[in-house]
Amino acid sequence: MCLPQDLWVIEVIERLFIYFKKELNWSFEVLTILSSKSNLILGQHSRTTYP
């Protein structure tokens, strides 16, 4: 259950997401690529650390 004071946080996050998607679409794609690469690196690292 969302508390009333949490609703504005969700709204701000949604507005920021829409802004980034519209104005900074290229950087959003770069961030997505970087995060997917870091996930691959972290995934390989976790596989070697925890067999």
PDB file of N, CA and C in Angstrom:
ATOM      1  N   MET A   1       0.830  -1.198   0.000  1.00  0.00           N
ATOM      2  CA  MET A   1       0.000   0.000   0.000  1.00  0.00           C
ATOM      3  C   MET A   1       0.871   1.256   0.000  1.00  0.00           C
ATOM      4  N   CYS A   2       0.593   2.165  -0.917  1.00  0.00           N
ATOM      5  CA  CYS A   2       1.368   3.396  -1.020  1.00  0.00           C
ATOM      6  C   CYS A   2       0.825   4.435  -0.051  1.00  0.00           C
ATOM      7  N   LEU A   3       1.719   5.017   0.704  1.00  0.00           N
ATOM      8  CA  LEU A   3       1.326   6.120   1.574  1.00  0.00           C
ATOM      9  C   LEU A   3       1.240   7.399   0.753  1.00  0.00           C
ATOM     10  N   PRO A   4       0.393   8.360   1.172  1.00  0.00           N
ATOM     11  CA  PRO A   4       0.213   9.599   0.393  1.00  0.00           C
ATOM     12  C   PRO A   4       1.518  10.331   0.135  1.00  0.00           C
ATOM     13  N   GLN A   5       2.459  10.318   1.084  1.00  0.00           N
ATOM     14  CA  GLN A   5       3.702  11.048   0.872  1.00  0.00           C
ATOM     15  C   GLN A   5       4.599  10.342  -0.145  1.00  0.00           C
ATOM     16  N   ASP A   6       4.318   9.073  -0.437  1.00  0.00           N
ATOM     17  CA  ASP A   6       5.107   8.349  -1.428  1.00  0.00           C
ATOM     18  C   ASP A   6       4.642   8.641  -2.848  1.00  0.00           C
ATOM     19  N   LEU A   7       3.406   9.122  -2.990  1.00  0.00           N
ATOM     20  CA  LEU A   7       2.846   9.321  -4.328  1.00  0.00           C
ATOM     21  C   LEU A   7       3.608  10.380  -5.105  1.00  0.00           C
ATOM     22  N   TRP A   8       4.044  11.456  -4.440  1.00  0.00           N
ATOM     23  CA  TRP A   8       4.763  12.502  -5.171  1.00  0.00           C
ATOM     24  C   TRP A   8       6.120  11.998  -5.627  1.00  0.00           C
ATOM     25  N   VAL A   9       6.727  11.097  -4.855  1.00  0.00           N
ATOM     26  CA  VAL A   9       8.012  10.524  -5.262  1.00  0.00           C
ATOM     27  C   VAL A   9       7.832   9.728  -6.546  1.00  0.00           C
ATOM     28  N   ILE A  10       6.773   8.915  -6.587  1.00  0.00           N
ATOM     29  CA  ILE A  10       6.494   8.116  -7.782  1.00  0.00           C
ATOM     30  C   ILE A  10       6.231   9.027  -8.972  1.00  0.00           C
ATOM     31  N   GLU A  11       5.482  10.103  -8.744  1.00  0.00           N
ATOM     32  CA  GLU A  11       5.164  11.029  -9.827  1.00  0.00           C
ATOM     33  C   GLU A  11       6.422  11.709 -10.353  1.00  0.00           C
ATOM     34  N   VAL A  12       7.315  12.118  -9.447  1.00  0.00           N
ATOM     35  CA  VAL A  12       8.570  12.758  -9.861  1.00  0.00           C
ATOM     36  C   VAL A  12       9.416  11.786 -10.670  1.00  0.00           C
ATOM     37  N   ILE A  13       9.494  10.534 -10.215  1.00  0.00           N
ATOM     38  CA  ILE A  13      10.276   9.530 -10.935  1.00  0.00           C
ATOM     39  C   ILE A  13       9.698   9.309 -12.328  1.00  0.00           C
ATOM     40  N   GLU A  14       8.367   9.240 -12.427  1.00  0.00           N
ATOM     41  CA  GLU A  14       7.735   9.050 -13.735  1.00  0.00           C
ATOM     42  C   GLU A  14       8.008  10.235 -14.649  1.00  0.00           C
ATOM     43  N   ARG A  15       7.924  11.458 -14.105  1.00  0.00           N
ATOM     44  CA  ARG A  15       8.195  12.651 -14.912  1.00  0.00           C
ATOM     45  C   ARG A  15       9.644  12.671 -15.377  1.00  0.00           C
ATOM     46  N   LEU A  16      10.567  12.320 -14.481  1.00  0.00           N
ATOM     47  CA  LEU A  16      11.981  12.276 -14.858  1.00  0.00           C
ATOM     48  C   LEU A  16      12.213  11.235 -15.938  1.00  0.00           C
ATOM     49  N   PHE A  17      11.580  10.070 -15.792  1.00  0.00           N
ATOM     50  CA  PHE A  17      11.740   9.011 -16.780  1.00  0.00           C
ATOM     51  C   PHE A  17      11.247   9.467 -18.143  1.00  0.00           C
ATOM     52  N   ILE A  18      10.083  10.123 -18.173  1.00  0.00           N
ATOM     53  CA  ILE A  18       9.541  10.632 -19.437  1.00  0.00           C
ATOM     54  C   ILE A  18      10.476  11.682 -20.021  1.00  0.00           C
ATOM     55  N   TYR A  19      11.016  12.563 -19.164  1.00  0.00           N
ATOM     56  CA  TYR A  19      11.931  13.605 -19.634  1.00  0.00           C
ATOM     57  C   TYR A  19      13.168  12.979 -20.251  1.00  0.00           C
ATOM     58  N   PHE A  20      13.771  12.021 -19.539  1.00  0.00           N
ATOM     59  CA  PHE A  20      14.967  11.369 -20.060  1.00  0.00           C
ATOM     60  C   PHE A  20      14.664  10.649 -21.366  1.00  0.00           C
ATOM     61  N   LYS A  21      13.501  10.026 -21.432  1.00  0.00           N
ATOM     62  CA  LYS A  21      13.140   9.268 -22.621  1.00  0.00           C
ATOM     63  C   LYS A  21      12.970  10.196 -23.813  1.00  0.00           C
ATOM     64  N   LYS A  22      12.396  11.388 -23.590  1.00  0.00           N
ATOM     65  CA  LYS A  22      12.175  12.323 -24.692  1.00  0.00           C
ATOM     66  C   LYS A  22      13.448  13.077 -25.056  1.00  0.00           C
ATOM     67  N   GLU A  23      14.053  13.743 -24.067  1.00  0.00           N
ATOM     68  CA  GLU A  23      15.124  14.696 -24.332  1.00  0.00           C
ATOM     69  C   GLU A  23      16.488  14.032 -24.452  1.00  0.00           C
ATOM     70  N   LEU A  24      16.684  12.939 -23.716  1.00  0.00           N
ATOM     71  CA  LEU A  24      18.010  12.328 -23.658  1.00  0.00           C
ATOM     72  C   LEU A  24      17.935  10.861 -24.057  1.00  0.00           C
ATOM     73  N   ASN A  25      17.243  10.604 -25.167  1.00  0.00           N
ATOM     74  CA  ASN A  25      17.030   9.225 -25.591  1.00  0.00           C
ATOM     75  C   ASN A  25      18.353   8.528 -25.871  1.00  0.00           C
ATOM     76  N   TRP A  26      19.300   9.256 -26.489  1.00  0.00           N
ATOM     77  CA  TRP A  26      20.583   8.631 -26.837  1.00  0.00           C
ATOM     78  C   TRP A  26      21.364   8.256 -25.588  1.00  0.00           C
ATOM     79  N   SER A  27      21.377   9.150 -24.574  1.00  0.00           N
ATOM     80  CA  SER A  27      22.114   8.841 -23.355  1.00  0.00           C
ATOM     81  C   SER A  27      21.417   7.727 -22.575  1.00  0.00           C
ATOM     82  N   PHE A  28      20.092   7.668 -22.682  1.00  0.00           N
ATOM     83  CA  PHE A  28      19.357   6.589 -22.034  1.00  0.00           C
ATOM     84  C   PHE A  28      19.759   5.242 -22.641  1.00  0.00           C
ATOM     85  N   GLU A  29      19.911   5.213 -23.989  1.00  0.00           N
ATOM     86  CA  GLU A  29      20.346   3.986 -24.646  1.00  0.00           C
ATOM     87  C   GLU A  29      21.762   3.626 -24.223  1.00  0.00           C
ATOM     88  N   VAL A  30      22.642   4.637 -24.116  1.00  0.00           N
ATOM     89  CA  VAL A  30      24.015   4.384 -23.677  1.00  0.00           C
ATOM     90  C   VAL A  30      24.021   3.821 -22.261  1.00  0.00           C
ATOM     91  N   LEU A  31      23.211   4.408 -21.377  1.00  0.00           N
ATOM     92  CA  LEU A  31      23.130   3.902 -20.008  1.00  0.00           C
ATOM     93  C   LEU A  31      22.620   2.466 -19.981  1.00  0.00           C
ATOM     94  N   THR A  32      21.658   2.162 -20.849  1.00  0.00           N
ATOM     95  CA  THR A  32      21.128   0.803 -20.905  1.00  0.00           C
ATOM     96  C   THR A  32      22.204  -0.178 -21.352  1.00  0.00           C
ATOM     97  N   ILE A  33      22.982   0.218 -22.381  1.00  0.00           N
ATOM     98  CA  ILE A  33      24.061  -0.641 -22.875  1.00  0.00           C
ATOM     99  C   ILE A  33      25.112  -0.835 -21.790  1.00  0.00           C
ATOM    100  N   LEU A  34      25.490   0.261 -21.119  1.00  0.00           N
ATOM    101  CA  LEU A  34      26.502   0.166 -20.065  1.00  0.00           C
ATOM    102  C   LEU A  34      26.012  -0.711 -18.923  1.00  0.00           C
ATOM    103  N   SER A  35      24.755  -0.571 -18.537  1.00  0.00           N
ATOM    104  CA  SER A  35      24.236  -1.362 -17.425  1.00  0.00           C
ATOM    105  C   SER A  35      24.163  -2.841 -17.806  1.00  0.00           C
ATOM    106  N   SER A  36      23.818  -3.127 -19.073  1.00  0.00           N
ATOM    107  CA  SER A  36      23.764  -4.529 -19.495  1.00  0.00           C
ATOM    108  C   SER A  36      25.163  -5.130 -19.519  1.00  0.00           C
ATOM    109  N   LYS A  37      26.162  -4.332 -19.949  1.00  0.00           N
ATOM    110  CA  LYS A  37      27.542  -4.824 -19.938  1.00  0.00           C
ATOM    111  C   LYS A  37      28.019  -5.042 -18.510  1.00  0.00           C
ATOM    112  N   SER A  38      27.708  -4.107 -17.611  1.00  0.00           N
ATOM    113  CA  SER A  38      28.134  -4.261 -16.220  1.00  0.00           C
ATOM    114  C   SER A  38      27.432  -5.464 -15.591  1.00  0.00           C
ATOM    115  N   ASN A  39      26.184  -5.728 -15.992  1.00  0.00           N
ATOM    116  CA  ASN A  39      25.479  -6.903 -15.481  1.00  0.00           C
ATOM    117  C   ASN A  39      26.162  -8.182 -15.949  1.00  0.00           C
ATOM    118  N   LEU A  40      26.645  -8.185 -17.206  1.00  0.00           N
ATOM    119  CA  LEU A  40      27.369  -9.347 -17.699  1.00  0.00           C
ATOM    120  C   LEU A  40      28.651  -9.548 -16.907  1.00  0.00           C
ATOM    121  N   ILE A  41      29.383  -8.441 -16.669  1.00  0.00           N
ATOM    122  CA  ILE A  41      30.636  -8.526 -15.913  1.00  0.00           C
ATOM    123  C   ILE A  41      30.355  -8.996 -14.489  1.00  0.00           C
ATOM    124  N   LEU A  42      29.326  -8.412 -13.864  1.00  0.00           N
ATOM    125  CA  LEU A  42      28.980  -8.810 -12.503  1.00  0.00           C
ATOM    126  C   LEU A  42      28.517 -10.260 -12.474  1.00  0.00           C
ATOM    127  N   GLY A  43      27.792 -10.674 -13.513  1.00  0.00           N
ATOM    128  CA  GLY A  43      27.326 -12.051 -13.573  1.00  0.00           C
ATOM    129  C   GLY A  43      28.483 -13.027 -13.678  1.00  0.00           C
ATOM    130  N   GLN A  44      29.472 -12.707 -14.522  1.00  0.00           N
ATOM    131  CA  GLN A  44      30.642 -13.566 -14.650  1.00  0.00           C
ATOM    132  C   GLN A  44      31.417 -13.593 -13.338  1.00  0.00           C
ATOM    133  N   HIS A  45      31.536 -12.422 -12.699  1.00  0.00           N
ATOM    134  CA  HIS A  45      32.275 -12.341 -11.440  1.00  0.00           C
ATOM    135  C   HIS A  45      31.583 -13.163 -10.358  1.00  0.00           C
ATOM    136  N   SER A  46      30.258 -13.083 -10.291  1.00  0.00           N
ATOM    137  CA  SER A  46      29.538 -13.819  -9.258  1.00  0.00           C
ATOM    138  C   SER A  46      29.627 -15.325  -9.516  1.00  0.00           C
ATOM    139  N   ARG A  47      29.683 -15.713 -10.806  1.00  0.00           N
ATOM    140  CA  ARG A  47      29.813 -17.141 -11.113  1.00  0.00           C
ATOM    141  C   ARG A  47      31.171 -17.663 -10.659  1.00  0.00           C
ATOM    142  N   THR A  48      32.226 -16.834 -10.824  1.00  0.00           N
ATOM    143  CA  THR A  48      33.550 -17.288 -10.410  1.00  0.00           C
ATOM    144  C   THR A  48      33.687 -17.235  -8.890  1.00  0.00           C
ATOM    145  N   THR A  49      33.010 -16.263  -8.252  1.00  0.00           N
ATOM    146  CA  THR A  49      33.119 -16.131  -6.802  1.00  0.00           C
ATOM    147  C   THR A  49      32.283 -17.198  -6.101  1.00  0.00           C
ATOM    148  N   TYR A  50      31.080 -17.431  -6.619  1.00  0.00           N
ATOM    149  CA  TYR A  50      30.193 -18.422  -6.013  1.00  0.00           C
ATOM    150  C   TYR A  50      29.944 -19.555  -7.007  1.00  0.00           C
ATOM    151  N   PRO A  51      30.730 -20.610  -6.922  1.00  0.00           N
ATOM    152  CA  PRO A  51      30.580 -21.719  -7.894  1.00  0.00           C
ATOM    153  C   PRO A  51      29.277 -22.494  -7.704  1.00  0.00           C
TER     154      PRO A  51
END
